[in-house]
Protein backbone atom coordinates (compact mmCIF):
# COMPACT_ATOMS: atom_id res chain seq x y z
CA UNK A 1 0.12 0.07 0.00
CA UNK A 2 1.23 3.41 -0.79
CA UNK A 3 1.93 5.97 2.00
CA UNK A 4 1.33 9.56 2.67
CA UNK A 5 3.44 11.35 5.40
CA UNK A 6 1.80 13.94 7.66
CA UNK A 7 3.59 16.46 9.81
CA UNK A 8 1.85 16.98 13.10
CA UNK A 9 1.94 20.20 15.00
CA UNK A 10 1.34 20.13 18.72
CA UNK A 11 1.20 22.42 21.86
CA UNK A 12 0.69 21.62 25.47
CA UNK A 13 0.53 17.78 24.97
CA UNK A 14 -2.07 17.86 22.31
CA UNK A 15 -2.01 17.93 18.47
CA UNK A 16 -3.27 21.12 16.85
CA UNK A 17 -6.69 20.86 15.43
CA UNK A 18 -5.47 21.82 12.05
CA UNK A 19 -3.04 18.74 12.12
CA UNK A 20 -5.70 16.52 13.12
CA UNK A 21 -7.77 17.69 10.09
CA UNK A 22 -4.91 17.16 7.72
CA UNK A 23 -4.56 13.52 9.20
CA UNK A 24 -8.35 13.22 8.37
CA UNK A 25 -7.88 14.28 4.86
CA UNK A 26 -5.02 11.85 4.52
CA UNK A 27 -6.85 9.08 5.98
CA UNK A 28 -9.75 9.60 3.54
CA UNK A 29 -7.33 8.93 0.61
CA UNK A 30 -7.31 5.38 1.68
CA UNK A 31 -3.52 5.18 1.73
CA UNK A 32 -1.45 4.06 4.66
CA UNK A 33 -0.97 7.28 6.94
CA UNK A 34 2.29 7.72 8.55
CA UNK A 35 2.42 10.65 11.02
CA UNK A 36 5.64 12.32 12.46
CA UNK A 37 5.98 14.59 15.38
CA UNK A 38 8.94 16.42 16.49
CA UNK A 39 9.88 18.85 19.44
CA UNK A 40 9.42 18.75 23.24
CA UNK A 41 6.56 16.49 24.08
CA UNK A 42 6.29 14.66 20.92
CA UNK A 43 6.43 11.47 22.80
CA UNK A 44 3.30 12.44 24.74
CA UNK A 45 1.34 13.36 21.67
CA UNK A 46 2.30 10.20 19.55
CA UNK A 47 0.10 7.61 21.21
CA UNK A 48 -2.89 9.63 20.40
CA UNK A 49 -2.72 9.86 16.82
CA UNK A 50 -3.86 6.43 16.01
CA UNK A 51 -7.33 7.43 16.97
CA UNK A 52 -6.81 10.54 14.55
CA UNK A 53 -6.29 8.35 11.55
CA UNK A 54 -2.48 7.39 11.59
CA UNK A 55 -1.51 3.87 10.93
CA UNK A 56 1.99 4.59 12.04
CA UNK A 57 3.66 7.36 14.05
CA UNK A 58 7.34 8.44 14.01
CA UNK A 59 8.64 10.48 17.02
CA UNK A 60 11.66 12.40 16.05
CA UNK A 61 14.07 12.45 18.76
CA UNK A 62 16.82 14.89 19.84
CA UNK A 63 14.83 17.82 18.58
CA UNK A 64 13.71 19.51 21.67
CA UNK A 65 14.19 22.96 20.22
CA UNK A 66 12.49 23.43 16.87
CA UNK A 67 14.73 23.75 13.79
CA UNK A 68 13.20 24.49 10.47
CA UNK A 69 15.81 23.29 8.12
CA UNK A 70 16.27 20.35 10.51
CA UNK A 71 12.62 19.24 10.21
CA UNK A 72 12.64 19.53 6.63
CA UNK A 73 15.69 17.12 6.63
CA UNK A 74 13.85 14.75 8.94
CA UNK A 75 10.69 14.95 6.52
CA UNK A 76 12.81 14.16 3.45
CA UNK A 77 14.42 11.33 5.28
CA UNK A 78 11.22 9.75 6.22
CA UNK A 79 9.75 10.29 2.74
CA UNK A 80 12.61 8.37 1.31
CA UNK A 81 12.78 5.53 3.98
CA UNK A 82 8.79 4.92 3.94
CA UNK A 83 8.49 5.34 0.11
CA UNK A 84 5.69 7.99 0.69
CA UNK A 85 3.93 9.32 -2.52
CA UNK A 86 2.68 12.54 -0.64
CA UNK A 87 3.72 14.85 2.07
CA UNK A 88 0.97 16.94 3.59
CA UNK A 89 0.81 19.50 6.56
CA UNK A 90 -1.58 22.07 7.59
CA UNK A 91 -1.42 25.51 6.07
CA UNK A 92 -0.19 27.15 9.08
CA UNK A 93 2.98 29.60 9.29
CA UNK A 94 5.06 26.45 10.34
CA UNK A 95 3.56 24.19 7.78
CA UNK A 96 4.05 26.68 4.75
CA UNK A 97 7.60 27.04 5.71
CA UNK A 98 8.12 23.41 5.91
CA UNK A 99 6.33 22.76 2.56
CA UNK A 100 8.76 24.98 0.60
CA UNK A 101 11.83 23.41 2.16
CA UNK A 102 10.66 19.80 1.70
CA UNK A 103 9.43 20.58 -1.88
CA UNK A 104 12.57 22.26 -2.90
CA UNK A 105 14.66 19.32 -1.39
CA UNK A 106 12.84 16.84 -3.43
CA UNK A 107 12.55 19.09 -6.71
CA UNK A 108 8.74 18.92 -6.57
CA UNK A 109 6.01 21.24 -7.25
CA UNK A 110 4.51 22.59 -3.82
CA UNK A 111 0.62 23.25 -3.65
CA UNK A 112 -0.37 25.53 -0.80
CA UNK A 113 -3.74 26.02 0.82
CA UNK A 114 -5.52 23.13 -0.62
CA UNK A 115 -9.21 22.71 -0.04
CA UNK A 116 -9.53 19.10 -1.46
CA UNK A 117 -7.20 16.35 -1.69
CA UNK A 118 -8.06 13.03 -3.58
CA UNK A 119 -6.46 10.18 -5.29
CA UNK A 120 -7.65 9.61 -8.76
CA UNK A 121 -5.97 6.25 -10.07
CA UNK A 122 -2.34 6.68 -9.23
CA UNK A 123 -2.27 10.44 -9.35
CA UNK A 124 -3.12 12.93 -6.72
CA UNK A 125 -5.53 15.74 -7.43
CA UNK A 126 -5.71 18.85 -5.26
CA UNK A 127 -8.20 21.88 -5.60
CA UNK A 128 -7.01 25.25 -4.33
CA UNK A 129 -8.21 28.82 -4.57
CA UNK A 130 -6.74 31.34 -6.95
CA UNK A 131 -7.38 35.02 -7.82
CA UNK A 132 -7.64 35.99 -4.11
CA UNK A 133 -10.51 33.31 -3.67
CA UNK A 134 -12.57 34.43 -6.63
CA UNK A 135 -12.24 31.16 -8.24
CA UNK A 136 -10.60 27.54 -7.39
CA UNK A 137 -8.67 25.29 -9.76
CA UNK A 138 -8.28 21.57 -9.70
CA UNK A 139 -4.81 20.29 -10.61
CA UNK A 140 -3.02 17.20 -10.83
CA UNK A 141 0.60 16.52 -9.33
CA UNK A 142 2.94 14.78 -11.50
CA UNK A 143 5.84 15.14 -9.19
CA UNK A 144 7.24 12.05 -7.65
CA UNK A 145 5.93 13.10 -4.33
CA UNK A 146 2.83 15.45 -3.72
CA UNK A 147 3.87 18.23 -1.55
CA UNK A 148 0.85 20.27 -0.19
CA UNK A 149 -0.44 22.26 2.78
CA UNK A 150 -4.36 21.82 3.63
CA UNK A 151 -6.29 24.61 4.53
CA UNK A 152 -7.51 24.62 8.23
CA UNK A 153 -11.20 24.23 9.21
CA UNK A 154 -11.97 22.65 5.86
CA UNK A 155 -11.39 18.91 6.40
CA UNK A 156 -13.07 16.64 8.84
CA UNK A 157 -10.89 15.10 11.57
CA UNK A 158 -11.20 11.54 12.25
CA UNK A 159 -12.77 10.88 15.66
CA UNK A 160 -12.73 7.05 15.91
CA UNK A 161 -9.66 5.83 14.29
CA UNK A 162 -7.58 2.83 15.28
CA UNK A 163 -4.27 2.29 17.18
CA UNK A 164 -0.88 2.99 15.59
CA UNK A 165 2.47 1.84 15.88
CA UNK A 166 4.93 4.34 17.39
CA UNK A 167 8.66 4.26 16.65
CA UNK A 168 11.52 6.83 17.09
CA UNK A 169 14.25 7.98 14.71
CA UNK A 170 17.02 10.63 15.62
CA UNK A 171 16.79 13.96 14.09
CA UNK A 172 19.02 14.96 11.24
CA UNK A 173 19.64 18.23 13.09
CA UNK A 174 19.71 21.74 11.52
CA UNK A 175 21.58 24.85 11.49
CA UNK A 176 18.88 27.15 12.81
CA UNK A 177 17.10 26.51 16.09
CA UNK A 178 13.86 28.39 17.50
CA UNK A 179 15.07 29.35 21.06
CA UNK A 180 11.81 31.27 22.14
CA UNK A 181 8.54 32.60 20.78
CA UNK A 182 7.47 36.06 21.73
CA UNK A 183 3.69 35.80 21.77
CA UNK A 184 1.06 38.49 22.48
CA UNK A 185 -0.35 37.86 25.92
CA UNK A 186 -4.16 37.61 25.03
CA UNK A 187 -6.72 35.68 26.92
CA UNK A 188 -9.18 36.17 23.97
CA UNK A 189 -10.48 32.93 22.30
CA UNK A 190 -9.09 32.66 18.75
CA UNK A 191 -11.41 32.68 15.95
CA UNK A 192 -9.99 29.58 14.43
CA UNK A 193 -10.59 27.58 17.56
CA UNK A 194 -14.02 29.04 18.91
CA UNK A 195 -17.23 27.16 18.35
CA UNK A 196 -19.24 30.27 18.00
CA UNK A 197 -17.86 33.42 16.05
CA UNK A 198 -19.65 36.76 16.03
CA UNK A 199 -18.24 39.13 13.17
CA UNK A 200 -18.87 42.53 12.32
CA UNK A 201 -18.41 44.61 9.03
CA UNK A 202 -18.73 48.25 7.76
CA UNK A 203 -22.48 48.15 8.56
CA UNK A 204 -21.50 49.04 12.21
CA UNK A 205 -20.49 52.33 10.88
CA UNK A 206 -17.55 53.08 13.32
CA UNK A 207 -15.18 51.27 15.69
CA UNK A 208 -16.83 52.02 18.95
CA UNK A 209 -20.16 50.22 17.63
CA UNK A 210 -18.16 47.00 17.64
CA UNK A 211 -19.17 46.78 21.31
CA UNK A 212 -22.47 45.32 20.13
CA UNK A 213 -20.45 42.38 18.61
CA UNK A 214 -18.38 42.03 21.92
CA UNK A 215 -21.49 41.95 23.89
CA UNK A 216 -23.17 39.28 21.83
CA UNK A 217 -19.97 37.25 21.84
CA UNK A 218 -19.83 37.59 25.79
CA UNK A 219 -23.42 36.62 26.05
CA UNK A 220 -22.52 33.08 24.58
CA UNK A 221 -19.57 32.75 26.76
CA UNK A 222 -17.56 30.57 24.38
CA UNK A 223 -17.71 32.81 21.43
CA UNK A 224 -14.89 34.79 19.64
CA UNK A 225 -15.13 38.17 17.89
CA UNK A 226 -14.40 38.40 14.09
CA UNK A 227 -14.23 41.17 11.55
CA UNK A 228 -14.45 41.74 7.81
CA UNK A 229 -11.22 42.87 5.87
CA UNK A 230 -12.90 46.37 5.46
CA UNK A 231 -13.11 46.88 9.18
CA UNK A 232 -9.49 45.68 9.80
CA UNK A 233 -8.18 47.87 6.93
CA UNK A 234 -9.99 50.76 8.49
CA UNK A 235 -8.13 49.97 11.78
CA UNK A 236 -11.23 49.42 13.64
CA UNK A 237 -9.94 45.78 14.68
CA UNK A 238 -6.75 43.92 14.88
CA UNK A 239 -5.68 41.64 11.95
CA UNK A 240 -5.79 38.65 14.26
CA UNK A 241 -9.76 38.91 14.20
CA UNK A 242 -10.00 39.19 10.34
CA UNK A 243 -12.07 36.14 8.65
CA UNK A 244 -11.71 35.78 5.01
CA UNK A 245 -9.54 34.90 2.15
CA UNK A 246 -6.56 37.29 3.39
CA UNK A 247 -7.54 36.59 7.17
CA UNK A 248 -8.40 33.46 8.92
CA UNK A 249 -10.49 30.53 8.04
CA UNK A 250 -13.05 29.51 10.45
CA UNK A 251 -15.38 26.64 10.97
CA UNK A 252 -17.53 27.10 13.98
CA UNK A 253 -20.83 25.48 14.96
CA UNK A 254 -22.45 28.87 14.64
CA UNK A 255 -21.44 31.92 12.68
CA UNK A 256 -22.97 35.42 12.96
CA UNK A 257 -22.23 37.99 10.29
CA UNK A 258 -23.42 41.48 11.46
CA UNK A 259 -23.32 44.32 9.00
CA UNK A 260 -21.46 42.31 6.39
CA UNK A 261 -22.54 42.57 2.85
CA UNK A 262 -21.29 39.18 1.67
CA UNK A 263 -18.07 39.76 -0.52
CA UNK A 264 -16.76 36.29 -1.78
CA UNK A 265 -13.54 36.90 -0.03
CA UNK A 266 -15.16 37.00 3.42
CA UNK A 267 -17.40 34.00 2.47
CA UNK A 268 -14.15 32.01 1.38
CA UNK A 269 -13.06 32.21 5.19
CA UNK A 270 -16.26 30.94 6.90
CA UNK A 271 -18.24 28.87 4.21
CA UNK A 272 -17.56 25.64 6.17
CA UNK A 273 -19.46 26.97 9.32
CA UNK A 274 -22.23 24.60 10.34
CA UNK A 275 -25.02 27.20 10.78
CA UNK A 276 -24.74 30.76 9.43
CA UNK A 277 -26.69 33.73 10.58
CA UNK A 278 -26.73 37.05 8.73
CA UNK A 279 -28.00 40.35 10.28
CA UNK A 280 -28.18 43.10 7.78
CA UNK A 281 -30.75 46.00 7.05
CA UNK A 282 -30.13 45.58 3.26
CA UNK A 283 -32.55 42.79 2.13
CA UNK A 284 -30.76 42.61 -1.20
CA UNK A 285 -27.34 42.08 0.51
CA UNK A 286 -25.64 39.04 -1.10
CA UNK A 287 -24.85 37.40 2.14
CA UNK A 288 -28.54 36.45 2.58
CA UNK A 289 -28.01 34.13 -0.54
CA UNK A 290 -25.77 31.83 1.59
CA UNK A 291 -26.94 32.16 5.18
CA UNK A 292 -28.90 29.53 6.84
CA UNK A 293 -30.98 32.18 8.59
CA UNK A 294 -31.33 35.97 7.85
CA UNK A 295 -32.58 38.74 9.89
CA UNK A 296 -33.48 41.87 7.81
CA UNK A 297 -33.17 44.76 10.26
CA UNK A 298 -31.05 47.54 11.90
CA UNK A 299 -28.16 45.76 13.88
CA UNK A 300 -28.40 48.49 16.32
CA UNK A 301 -31.94 47.21 17.38
CA UNK A 302 -31.55 43.49 16.48
CA UNK A 303 -28.18 42.68 18.18
CA UNK A 304 -28.96 44.14 21.65
CA UNK A 305 -32.36 42.37 21.66
CA UNK A 306 -30.49 38.92 20.60
CA UNK A 307 -27.98 39.67 23.26
CA UNK A 308 -30.50 40.06 26.06
CA UNK A 309 -32.35 37.03 24.73
CA UNK A 310 -29.14 34.80 24.71
CA UNK A 311 -28.31 36.11 28.37
CA UNK A 312 -31.82 35.13 29.53
CA UNK A 313 -31.69 31.76 27.97
CA UNK A 314 -28.31 31.00 29.54
CA UNK A 315 -29.33 32.39 33.05
């Protein structure tokens, strides 16, 4: 059976959701899935990956500090030793960096931000957005090894897989080591991880009015605040909250779009939401064509009423 190699990112003893989704996409191809993990805590994460779709897990030892070029060398070595026909990882900052290094080392064409992965005969076929999300193209890889990153919040993770054999290999080592990460201290729930996202757009008129969105998110208790690109470009909200083609891709159980017209770039970032609710006073707004539920009304009247109703229902 042919093999597909998956790089799994992890944090605090658990695999990142985007990596679990990538494992799910690889598992769906029907190929043998070999996952590899590296860095401090990798041995703790490895035994859990069988349930996520991996048939085999390789723990790279001796790499407590992450090395971008070292990880790429380890990936190339595993591709060669397992005879893998594909290498995939999540389209995260680390994943995109690793993709370029591995594809370059193997002299293969890299495919980034793919939204579909399938096997047709002996060839891999992927679908990815182009022209800033205005269109998607389906392409076939003729490279000896498919090298691709998969868009987070697009594929389904496996929740009832089997067990996986775990083995260890020594790292090849690298010239560069990541010694520390300076992350912004922020207790806010990230839009990529939140089960509920409440996003606001230009229909809120000015930055102070975003409190309507914040209050609605707070009423749920487990919701994150999102924003359209126009709002971020205007400086009303930070880029970390931007949902869309040039922002973050989200896939919550419930998504609210408040005062957002429905540009295709925004829809590209939240189209996999399970339930989509749009609030806009313009009955002809394009967003109503894709929303599961639409409320035609003034956000300054609708959102406070909805916030109070949520608070009452949760009290």
